[in-house]
């Protein structure tokens, strides 16, 4: 499944109302560690059909970044049934990201 760009406009339908767990990647173009995590997140979205993967650009979606109290990026958030199930900050290897799920 392709990675979905999450905005405040599609957040409710894509994340809150999702019947699958959603892995959210909060990132920005200027963030070095985000560029390291991004291909791993893309890979996970291709491999795992049981989850949905979304990316949120914190510069473009400040409301969502504030809603999730994002202070450092990359931040990965796992949403299940509209609730935060897990959260991790910083670049990490694929195994650690999969462990969040």
PDB file of N, CA and C in Angstrom:
ATOM      1  N   UNK A   1       0.852  -1.190   0.000  1.00  0.00           N
ATOM      2  CA  UNK A   1       0.000   0.000   0.000  1.00  0.00           C
ATOM      3  C   UNK A   1       0.890   1.244   0.000  1.00  0.00           C
ATOM      4  N   UNK A   2       0.507   2.217  -0.771  1.00  0.00           N
ATOM      5  CA  UNK A   2       1.305   3.441  -0.861  1.00  0.00           C
ATOM      6  C   UNK A   2       1.179   4.268   0.421  1.00  0.00           C
ATOM      7  N   UNK A   3       2.198   5.047   0.680  1.00  0.00           N
ATOM      8  CA  UNK A   3       2.178   5.958   1.818  1.00  0.00           C
ATOM      9  C   UNK A   3       1.202   7.085   1.508  1.00  0.00           C
ATOM     10  N   UNK A   4       0.401   7.455   2.491  1.00  0.00           N
ATOM     11  CA  UNK A   4      -0.593   8.511   2.321  1.00  0.00           C
ATOM     12  C   UNK A   4      -0.051   9.806   2.930  1.00  0.00           C
ATOM     13  N   UNK A   5      -0.200  10.896   2.221  1.00  0.00           N
ATOM     14  CA  UNK A   5       0.145  12.201   2.794  1.00  0.00           C
ATOM     15  C   UNK A   5      -1.050  12.626   3.638  1.00  0.00           C
ATOM     16  N   UNK A   6      -0.820  12.779   4.933  1.00  0.00           N
ATOM     17  CA  UNK A   6      -1.900  13.127   5.860  1.00  0.00           C
ATOM     18  C   UNK A   6      -1.935  14.638   6.053  1.00  0.00           C
ATOM     19  N   UNK A   7      -3.127  15.201   5.939  1.00  0.00           N
ATOM     20  CA  UNK A   7      -3.333  16.634   6.189  1.00  0.00           C
ATOM     21  C   UNK A   7      -4.482  16.764   7.181  1.00  0.00           C
ATOM     22  N   UNK A   8      -4.696  17.985   7.660  1.00  0.00           N
ATOM     23  CA  UNK A   8      -5.815  18.153   8.593  1.00  0.00           C
ATOM     24  C   UNK A   8      -7.141  17.832   7.911  1.00  0.00           C
ATOM     25  N   UNK A   9      -7.178  17.947   6.575  1.00  0.00           N
ATOM     26  CA  UNK A   9      -8.416  17.679   5.841  1.00  0.00           C
ATOM     27  C   UNK A   9      -8.759  16.192   5.735  1.00  0.00           C
ATOM     28  N   UNK A  10      -7.738  15.330   5.628  1.00  0.00           N
ATOM     29  CA  UNK A  10      -8.043  13.900   5.504  1.00  0.00           C
ATOM     30  C   UNK A  10      -7.718  13.107   6.773  1.00  0.00           C
ATOM     31  N   UNK A  11      -7.259  13.782   7.819  1.00  0.00           N
ATOM     32  CA  UNK A  11      -6.856  13.110   9.055  1.00  0.00           C
ATOM     33  C   UNK A  11      -7.977  12.252   9.644  1.00  0.00           C
ATOM     34  N   UNK A  12      -9.182  12.815   9.717  1.00  0.00           N
ATOM     35  CA  UNK A  12     -10.296  12.074  10.324  1.00  0.00           C
ATOM     36  C   UNK A  12     -10.594  10.799   9.538  1.00  0.00           C
ATOM     37  N   UNK A  13     -10.743  10.920   8.222  1.00  0.00           N
ATOM     38  CA  UNK A  13     -11.112   9.744   7.419  1.00  0.00           C
ATOM     39  C   UNK A  13      -9.974   8.733   7.318  1.00  0.00           C
ATOM     40  N   UNK A  14      -8.736   9.205   7.162  1.00  0.00           N
ATOM     41  CA  UNK A  14      -7.606   8.287   6.959  1.00  0.00           C
ATOM     42  C   UNK A  14      -7.047   7.702   8.255  1.00  0.00           C
ATOM     43  N   UNK A  15      -7.123   8.458   9.346  1.00  0.00           N
ATOM     44  CA  UNK A  15      -6.489   8.009  10.594  1.00  0.00           C
ATOM     45  C   UNK A  15      -7.518   7.629  11.651  1.00  0.00           C
ATOM     46  N   UNK A  16      -8.360   8.582  12.040  1.00  0.00           N
ATOM     47  CA  UNK A  16      -9.305   8.323  13.135  1.00  0.00           C
ATOM     48  C   UNK A  16     -10.334   7.251  12.788  1.00  0.00           C
ATOM     49  N   UNK A  17     -10.751   7.205  11.511  1.00  0.00           N
ATOM     50  CA  UNK A  17     -11.780   6.246  11.126  1.00  0.00           C
ATOM     51  C   UNK A  17     -11.201   5.000  10.449  1.00  0.00           C
ATOM     52  N   UNK A  18      -9.885   4.837  10.508  1.00  0.00           N
ATOM     53  CA  UNK A  18      -9.238   3.685   9.866  1.00  0.00           C
ATOM     54  C   UNK A  18      -9.569   2.394  10.610  1.00  0.00           C
ATOM     55  N   UNK A  19      -9.832   1.336   9.842  1.00  0.00           N
ATOM     56  CA  UNK A  19     -10.084   0.037  10.466  1.00  0.00           C
ATOM     57  C   UNK A  19      -8.777  -0.716  10.713  1.00  0.00           C
ATOM     58  N   UNK A  20      -7.654  -0.150  10.273  1.00  0.00           N
ATOM     59  CA  UNK A  20      -6.335  -0.747  10.489  1.00  0.00           C
ATOM     60  C   UNK A  20      -5.515   0.194  11.370  1.00  0.00           C
ATOM     61  N   UNK A  21      -4.513  -0.341  12.070  1.00  0.00           N
ATOM     62  CA  UNK A  21      -3.586   0.557  12.777  1.00  0.00           C
ATOM     63  C   UNK A  21      -2.891   1.465  11.752  1.00  0.00           C
ATOM     64  N   UNK A  22      -2.567   2.686  12.172  1.00  0.00           N
ATOM     65  CA  UNK A  22      -1.929   3.649  11.277  1.00  0.00           C
ATOM     66  C   UNK A  22      -0.584   4.074  11.870  1.00  0.00           C
ATOM     67  N   UNK A  23       0.465   3.948  11.056  1.00  0.00           N
ATOM     68  CA  UNK A  23       1.783   4.435  11.449  1.00  0.00           C
ATOM     69  C   UNK A  23       1.951   5.824  10.849  1.00  0.00           C
ATOM     70  N   UNK A  24       2.113   6.822  11.706  1.00  0.00           N
ATOM     71  CA  UNK A  24       2.275   8.203  11.246  1.00  0.00           C
ATOM     72  C   UNK A  24       3.736   8.622  11.404  1.00  0.00           C
ATOM     73  N   UNK A  25       4.287   9.186  10.345  1.00  0.00           N
ATOM     74  CA  UNK A  25       5.655   9.684  10.354  1.00  0.00           C
ATOM     75  C   UNK A  25       5.595  11.206  10.279  1.00  0.00           C
ATOM     76  N   UNK A  26       5.925  11.867  11.398  1.00  0.00           N
ATOM     77  CA  UNK A  26       5.993  13.339  11.426  1.00  0.00           C
ATOM     78  C   UNK A  26       7.408  13.722  11.000  1.00  0.00           C
ATOM     79  N   UNK A  27       7.522  14.544   9.938  1.00  0.00           N
ATOM     80  CA  UNK A  27       8.824  14.847   9.351  1.00  0.00           C
ATOM     81  C   UNK A  27       8.853  16.268   8.793  1.00  0.00           C
ATOM     82  N   UNK A  28      10.041  16.665   8.311  1.00  0.00           N
ATOM     83  CA  UNK A  28      10.206  17.943   7.599  1.00  0.00           C
ATOM     84  C   UNK A  28      11.345  17.792   6.595  1.00  0.00           C
ATOM     85  N   UNK A  29      11.295  18.584   5.541  1.00  0.00           N
ATOM     86  CA  UNK A  29      12.289  18.469   4.463  1.00  0.00           C
ATOM     87  C   UNK A  29      13.705  18.773   4.953  1.00  0.00           C
ATOM     88  N   UNK A  30      13.839  19.654   5.929  1.00  0.00           N
ATOM     89  CA  UNK A  30      15.158  20.085   6.403  1.00  0.00           C
ATOM     90  C   UNK A  30      15.762  19.154   7.462  1.00  0.00           C
ATOM     91  N   UNK A  31      15.053  18.102   7.813  1.00  0.00           N
ATOM     92  CA  UNK A  31      15.461  17.230   8.925  1.00  0.00           C
ATOM     93  C   UNK A  31      16.262  16.029   8.422  1.00  0.00           C
ATOM     94  N   UNK A  32      17.550  15.983   8.760  1.00  0.00           N
ATOM     95  CA  UNK A  32      18.432  14.889   8.342  1.00  0.00           C
ATOM     96  C   UNK A  32      17.963  13.511   8.795  1.00  0.00           C
ATOM     97  N   UNK A  33      17.717  13.321  10.107  1.00  0.00           N
ATOM     98  CA  UNK A  33      17.248  12.015  10.577  1.00  0.00           C
ATOM     99  C   UNK A  33      15.927  11.588   9.911  1.00  0.00           C
ATOM    100  N   UNK A  34      15.090  12.561   9.554  1.00  0.00           N
ATOM    101  CA  UNK A  34      13.824  12.235   8.864  1.00  0.00           C
ATOM    102  C   UNK A  34      14.111  11.575   7.520  1.00  0.00           C
ATOM    103  N   UNK A  35      15.151  12.053   6.846  1.00  0.00           N
ATOM    104  CA  UNK A  35      15.512  11.483   5.544  1.00  0.00           C
ATOM    105  C   UNK A  35      16.051  10.067   5.694  1.00  0.00           C
ATOM    106  N   UNK A  36      16.586   9.735   6.873  1.00  0.00           N
ATOM    107  CA  UNK A  36      17.046   8.372   7.125  1.00  0.00           C
ATOM    108  C   UNK A  36      15.859   7.447   7.396  1.00  0.00           C
ATOM    109  N   UNK A  37      14.876   7.944   8.102  1.00  0.00           N
ATOM    110  CA  UNK A  37      13.708   7.130   8.486  1.00  0.00           C
ATOM    111  C   UNK A  37      12.735   6.941   7.312  1.00  0.00           C
ATOM    112  N   UNK A  38      12.626   7.944   6.462  1.00  0.00           N
ATOM    113  CA  UNK A  38      11.631   7.933   5.387  1.00  0.00           C
ATOM    114  C   UNK A  38      11.651   6.675   4.503  1.00  0.00           C
ATOM    115  N   UNK A  39      12.827   6.249   3.981  1.00  0.00           N
ATOM    116  CA  UNK A  39      12.822   5.041   3.138  1.00  0.00           C
ATOM    117  C   UNK A  39      12.413   3.784   3.900  1.00  0.00           C
ATOM    118  N   UNK A  40      12.722   3.743   5.204  1.00  0.00           N
ATOM    119  CA  UNK A  40      12.336   2.587   6.032  1.00  0.00           C
ATOM    120  C   UNK A  40      10.812   2.554   6.168  1.00  0.00           C
ATOM    121  N   UNK A  41      10.217   3.724   6.417  1.00  0.00           N
ATOM    122  CA  UNK A  41       8.761   3.820   6.531  1.00  0.00           C
ATOM    123  C   UNK A  41       8.105   3.419   5.209  1.00  0.00           C
ATOM    124  N   UNK A  42       8.690   3.848   4.088  1.00  0.00           N
ATOM    125  CA  UNK A  42       8.178   3.471   2.764  1.00  0.00           C
ATOM    126  C   UNK A  42       8.208   1.949   2.589  1.00  0.00           C
ATOM    127  N   UNK A  43       9.323   1.349   3.016  1.00  0.00           N
ATOM    128  CA  UNK A  43       9.497  -0.101   2.911  1.00  0.00           C
ATOM    129  C   UNK A  43       8.421  -0.836   3.716  1.00  0.00           C
ATOM    130  N   UNK A  44       8.194  -0.368   4.944  1.00  0.00           N
ATOM    131  CA  UNK A  44       7.188  -0.990   5.807  1.00  0.00           C
ATOM    132  C   UNK A  44       5.805  -0.899   5.159  1.00  0.00           C
ATOM    133  N   UNK A  45       5.515   0.240   4.519  1.00  0.00           N
ATOM    134  CA  UNK A  45       4.197   0.397   3.889  1.00  0.00           C
ATOM    135  C   UNK A  45       4.012  -0.595   2.744  1.00  0.00           C
ATOM    136  N   UNK A  46       5.117  -0.944   2.062  1.00  0.00           N
ATOM    137  CA  UNK A  46       5.043  -1.917   0.972  1.00  0.00           C
ATOM    138  C   UNK A  46       4.870  -3.344   1.504  1.00  0.00           C
ATOM    139  N   UNK A  47       5.515  -3.623   2.630  1.00  0.00           N
ATOM    140  CA  UNK A  47       5.539  -4.992   3.163  1.00  0.00           C
ATOM    141  C   UNK A  47       4.323  -5.349   3.992  1.00  0.00           C
ATOM    142  N   UNK A  48       3.782  -4.380   4.711  1.00  0.00           N
ATOM    143  CA  UNK A  48       2.710  -4.684   5.669  1.00  0.00           C
ATOM    144  C   UNK A  48       1.347  -4.243   5.139  1.00  0.00           C
ATOM    145  N   UNK A  49       0.538  -5.195   4.741  1.00  0.00           N
ATOM    146  CA  UNK A  49      -0.809  -4.898   4.233  1.00  0.00           C
ATOM    147  C   UNK A  49      -1.806  -4.692   5.376  1.00  0.00           C
ATOM    148  N   UNK A  50      -1.406  -5.078   6.595  1.00  0.00           N
ATOM    149  CA  UNK A  50      -2.317  -5.014   7.739  1.00  0.00           C
ATOM    150  C   UNK A  50      -2.326  -3.655   8.431  1.00  0.00           C
ATOM    151  N   UNK A  51      -1.497  -2.732   7.923  1.00  0.00           N
ATOM    152  CA  UNK A  51      -1.469  -1.391   8.515  1.00  0.00           C
ATOM    153  C   UNK A  51      -1.555  -0.341   7.412  1.00  0.00           C
ATOM    154  N   UNK A  52      -1.815   0.881   7.842  1.00  0.00           N
ATOM    155  CA  UNK A  52      -1.823   2.023   6.937  1.00  0.00           C
ATOM    156  C   UNK A  52      -0.639   2.892   7.356  1.00  0.00           C
ATOM    157  N   UNK A  53       0.011   3.538   6.398  1.00  0.00           N
ATOM    158  CA  UNK A  53       1.163   4.383   6.715  1.00  0.00           C
ATOM    159  C   UNK A  53       0.910   5.783   6.169  1.00  0.00           C
ATOM    160  N   UNK A  54       1.084   6.777   7.033  1.00  0.00           N
ATOM    161  CA  UNK A  54       0.884   8.163   6.619  1.00  0.00           C
ATOM    162  C   UNK A  54       2.061   9.026   7.029  1.00  0.00           C
ATOM    163  N   UNK A  55       2.324  10.046   6.203  1.00  0.00           N
ATOM    164  CA  UNK A  55       3.390  10.993   6.528  1.00  0.00           C
ATOM    165  C   UNK A  55       2.777  12.383   6.712  1.00  0.00           C
ATOM    166  N   UNK A  56       3.266  13.056   7.738  1.00  0.00           N
ATOM    167  CA  UNK A  56       2.763  14.393   8.050  1.00  0.00           C
ATOM    168  C   UNK A  56       3.942  15.361   8.057  1.00  0.00           C
ATOM    169  N   UNK A  57       3.945  16.302   7.120  1.00  0.00           N
ATOM    170  CA  UNK A  57       4.979  17.332   7.066  1.00  0.00           C
ATOM    171  C   UNK A  57       4.637  18.385   8.131  1.00  0.00           C
ATOM    172  N   UNK A  58       5.478  18.473   9.166  1.00  0.00           N
ATOM    173  CA  UNK A  58       5.162  19.359  10.296  1.00  0.00           C
ATOM    174  C   UNK A  58       5.157  20.837   9.910  1.00  0.00           C
ATOM    175  N   UNK A  59       5.897  21.200   8.853  1.00  0.00           N
ATOM    176  CA  UNK A  59       5.906  22.598   8.417  1.00  0.00           C
ATOM    177  C   UNK A  59       4.593  22.972   7.730  1.00  0.00           C
ATOM    178  N   UNK A  60       3.996  22.012   7.031  1.00  0.00           N
ATOM    179  CA  UNK A  60       2.750  22.280   6.310  1.00  0.00           C
ATOM    180  C   UNK A  60       1.516  22.002   7.167  1.00  0.00           C
ATOM    181  N   UNK A  61       1.657  21.119   8.145  1.00  0.00           N
ATOM    182  CA  UNK A  61       0.514  20.696   8.970  1.00  0.00           C
ATOM    183  C   UNK A  61       0.776  21.013  10.442  1.00  0.00           C
ATOM    184  N   UNK A  62       0.954  22.303  10.734  1.00  0.00           N
ATOM    185  CA  UNK A  62       1.294  22.725  12.093  1.00  0.00           C
ATOM    186  C   UNK A  62       0.209  22.361  13.106  1.00  0.00           C
ATOM    187  N   UNK A  63      -1.053  22.412  12.678  1.00  0.00           N
ATOM    188  CA  UNK A  63      -2.141  22.069  13.600  1.00  0.00           C
ATOM    189  C   UNK A  63      -2.021  20.631  14.085  1.00  0.00           C
ATOM    190  N   UNK A  64      -1.747  19.710  13.167  1.00  0.00           N
ATOM    191  CA  UNK A  64      -1.597  18.304  13.549  1.00  0.00           C
ATOM    192  C   UNK A  64      -0.363  18.111  14.422  1.00  0.00           C
ATOM    193  N   UNK A  65       0.725  18.801  14.090  1.00  0.00           N
ATOM    194  CA  UNK A  65       1.948  18.700  14.890  1.00  0.00           C
ATOM    195  C   UNK A  65       1.675  19.171  16.320  1.00  0.00           C
ATOM    196  N   UNK A  66       0.899  20.251  16.455  1.00  0.00           N
ATOM    197  CA  UNK A  66       0.557  20.756  17.786  1.00  0.00           C
ATOM    198  C   UNK A  66      -0.373  19.790  18.507  1.00  0.00           C
ATOM    199  N   UNK A  67      -1.340  19.247  17.781  1.00  0.00           N
ATOM    200  CA  UNK A  67      -2.297  18.311  18.359  1.00  0.00           C
ATOM    201  C   UNK A  67      -1.571  17.110  18.979  1.00  0.00           C
ATOM    202  N   UNK A  68      -0.507  16.650  18.317  1.00  0.00           N
ATOM    203  CA  UNK A  68       0.256  15.501  18.804  1.00  0.00           C
ATOM    204  C   UNK A  68       1.444  15.919  19.672  1.00  0.00           C
ATOM    205  N   UNK A  69       1.535  17.223  19.962  1.00  0.00           N
ATOM    206  CA  UNK A  69       2.616  17.774  20.781  1.00  0.00           C
ATOM    207  C   UNK A  69       3.992  17.338  20.268  1.00  0.00           C
ATOM    208  N   UNK A  70       4.202  17.502  18.964  1.00  0.00           N
ATOM    209  CA  UNK A  70       5.472  17.131  18.352  1.00  0.00           C
ATOM    210  C   UNK A  70       6.491  18.223  18.656  1.00  0.00           C
ATOM    211  N   UNK A  71       7.562  17.863  19.368  1.00  0.00           N
ATOM    212  CA  UNK A  71       8.621  18.826  19.667  1.00  0.00           C
ATOM    213  C   UNK A  71       9.911  18.467  18.941  1.00  0.00           C
ATOM    214  N   UNK A  72      10.120  17.199  18.662  1.00  0.00           N
ATOM    215  CA  UNK A  72      11.302  16.747  17.924  1.00  0.00           C
ATOM    216  C   UNK A  72      10.845  15.863  16.775  1.00  0.00           C
ATOM    217  N   UNK A  73      11.603  15.904  15.680  1.00  0.00           N
ATOM    218  CA  UNK A  73      11.284  15.021  14.569  1.00  0.00           C
ATOM    219  C   UNK A  73      12.548  14.285  14.159  1.00  0.00           C
ATOM    220  N   UNK A  74      12.447  13.111  13.557  1.00  0.00           N
ATOM    221  CA  UNK A  74      11.191  12.435  13.255  1.00  0.00           C
ATOM    222  C   UNK A  74      10.504  11.904  14.518  1.00  0.00           C
ATOM    223  N   UNK A  75       9.186  11.952  14.498  1.00  0.00           N
ATOM    224  CA  UNK A  75       8.387  11.295  15.528  1.00  0.00           C
ATOM    225  C   UNK A  75       7.473  10.315  14.815  1.00  0.00           C
ATOM    226  N   UNK A  76       7.442   9.093  15.308  1.00  0.00           N
ATOM    227  CA  UNK A  76       6.546   8.070  14.761  1.00  0.00           C
ATOM    228  C   UNK A  76       5.443   7.820  15.781  1.00  0.00           C
ATOM    229  N   UNK A  77       4.211   7.832  15.304  1.00  0.00           N
ATOM    230  CA  UNK A  77       3.058   7.600  16.172  1.00  0.00           C
ATOM    231  C   UNK A  77       2.237   6.466  15.576  1.00  0.00           C
ATOM    232  N   UNK A  78       1.858   5.513  16.427  1.00  0.00           N
ATOM    233  CA  UNK A  78       0.977   4.432  15.993  1.00  0.00           C
ATOM    234  C   UNK A  78      -0.408   4.713  16.555  1.00  0.00           C
ATOM    235  N   UNK A  79      -1.389   4.783  15.659  1.00  0.00           N
ATOM    236  CA  UNK A  79      -2.784   5.033  16.055  1.00  0.00           C
ATOM    237  C   UNK A  79      -3.588   3.747  15.880  1.00  0.00           C
ATOM    238  N   UNK A  80      -4.344   3.382  16.913  1.00  0.00           N
ATOM    239  CA  UNK A  80      -5.251   2.234  16.810  1.00  0.00           C
ATOM    240  C   UNK A  80      -6.606   2.677  17.332  1.00  0.00           C
ATOM    241  N   UNK A  81      -7.638   2.428  16.562  1.00  0.00           N
ATOM    242  CA  UNK A  81      -9.007   2.809  16.947  1.00  0.00           C
ATOM    243  C   UNK A  81      -9.093   4.276  17.352  1.00  0.00           C
ATOM    244  N   UNK A  82      -8.395   5.150  16.611  1.00  0.00           N
ATOM    245  CA  UNK A  82      -8.467   6.584  16.861  1.00  0.00           C
ATOM    246  C   UNK A  82      -7.682   7.059  18.067  1.00  0.00           C
ATOM    247  N   UNK A  83      -6.933   6.163  18.719  1.00  0.00           N
ATOM    248  CA  UNK A  83      -6.153   6.525  19.910  1.00  0.00           C
ATOM    249  C   UNK A  83      -4.670   6.306  19.645  1.00  0.00           C
ATOM    250  N   UNK A  84      -3.825   7.067  20.373  1.00  0.00           N
ATOM    251  CA  UNK A  84      -2.384   6.843  20.263  1.00  0.00           C
ATOM    252  C   UNK A  84      -2.040   5.565  21.008  1.00  0.00           C
ATOM    253  N   UNK A  85      -1.490   4.590  20.275  1.00  0.00           N
ATOM    254  CA  UNK A  85      -1.127   3.309  20.885  1.00  0.00           C
ATOM    255  C   UNK A  85       0.363   3.271  21.226  1.00  0.00           C
ATOM    256  N   UNK A  86       1.150   4.039  20.480  1.00  0.00           N
ATOM    257  CA  UNK A  86       2.591   4.041  20.691  1.00  0.00           C
ATOM    258  C   UNK A  86       3.193   5.285  20.066  1.00  0.00           C
ATOM    259  N   UNK A  87       4.363   5.693  20.573  1.00  0.00           N
ATOM    260  CA  UNK A  87       4.997   6.901  20.057  1.00  0.00           C
ATOM    261  C   UNK A  87       6.501   6.786  20.291  1.00  0.00           C
ATOM    262  N   UNK A  88       7.288   7.194  19.311  1.00  0.00           N
ATOM    263  CA  UNK A  88       8.747   7.170  19.470  1.00  0.00           C
ATOM    264  C   UNK A  88       9.346   8.361  18.733  1.00  0.00           C
ATOM    265  N   UNK A  89      10.415   8.910  19.310  1.00  0.00           N
ATOM    266  CA  UNK A  89      11.062  10.080  18.730  1.00  0.00           C
ATOM    267  C   UNK A  89      12.476   9.719  18.297  1.00  0.00           C
ATOM    268  N   UNK A  90      12.868  10.196  17.119  1.00  0.00           N
ATOM    269  CA  UNK A  90      14.233  10.014  16.644  1.00  0.00           C
ATOM    270  C   UNK A  90      14.346   8.925  15.592  1.00  0.00           C
ATOM    271  N   UNK A  91      15.468   8.956  14.878  1.00  0.00           N
ATOM    272  CA  UNK A  91      15.730   7.945  13.858  1.00  0.00           C
ATOM    273  C   UNK A  91      15.982   6.611  14.547  1.00  0.00           C
ATOM    274  N   UNK A  92      15.489   5.540  13.937  1.00  0.00           N
ATOM    275  CA  UNK A  92      15.678   4.214  14.522  1.00  0.00           C
ATOM    276  C   UNK A  92      15.687   3.169  13.422  1.00  0.00           C
ATOM    277  N   UNK A  93      16.264   1.988  13.714  1.00  0.00           N
ATOM    278  CA  UNK A  93      16.285   0.938  12.698  1.00  0.00           C
ATOM    279  C   UNK A  93      14.900   0.345  12.465  1.00  0.00           C
ATOM    280  N   UNK A  94      14.766  -0.346  11.355  1.00  0.00           N
ATOM    281  CA  UNK A  94      13.490  -0.920  10.942  1.00  0.00           C
ATOM    282  C   UNK A  94      12.879  -1.822  12.022  1.00  0.00           C
ATOM    283  N   UNK A  95      13.706  -2.653  12.665  1.00  0.00           N
ATOM    284  CA  UNK A  95      13.192  -3.573  13.683  1.00  0.00           C
ATOM    285  C   UNK A  95      12.482  -2.806  14.798  1.00  0.00           C
ATOM    286  N   UNK A  96      13.067  -1.667  15.197  1.00  0.00           N
ATOM    287  CA  UNK A  96      12.482  -0.877  16.278  1.00  0.00           C
ATOM    288  C   UNK A  96      11.162  -0.250  15.851  1.00  0.00           C
ATOM    289  N   UNK A  97      11.100   0.174  14.586  1.00  0.00           N
ATOM    290  CA  UNK A  97       9.851   0.752  14.081  1.00  0.00           C
ATOM    291  C   UNK A  97       8.781  -0.335  14.034  1.00  0.00           C
ATOM    292  N   UNK A  98       9.131  -1.518  13.549  1.00  0.00           N
ATOM    293  CA  UNK A  98       8.169  -2.618  13.503  1.00  0.00           C
ATOM    294  C   UNK A  98       7.700  -3.009  14.902  1.00  0.00           C
ATOM    295  N   UNK A  99       8.605  -2.898  15.898  1.00  0.00           N
ATOM    296  CA  UNK A  99       8.250  -3.236  17.272  1.00  0.00           C
ATOM    297  C   UNK A  99       7.186  -2.293  17.833  1.00  0.00           C
ATOM    298  N   UNK A 100       7.120  -1.061  17.317  1.00  0.00           N
ATOM    299  CA  UNK A 100       6.093  -0.105  17.763  1.00  0.00           C
ATOM    300  C   UNK A 100       4.687  -0.586  17.395  1.00  0.00           C
ATOM    301  N   UNK A 101       4.622  -1.321  16.267  1.00  0.00           N
ATOM    302  CA  UNK A 101       3.329  -1.759  15.762  1.00  0.00           C
ATOM    303  C   UNK A 101       2.778  -2.897  16.605  1.00  0.00           C
TER     304      UNK A 101
END
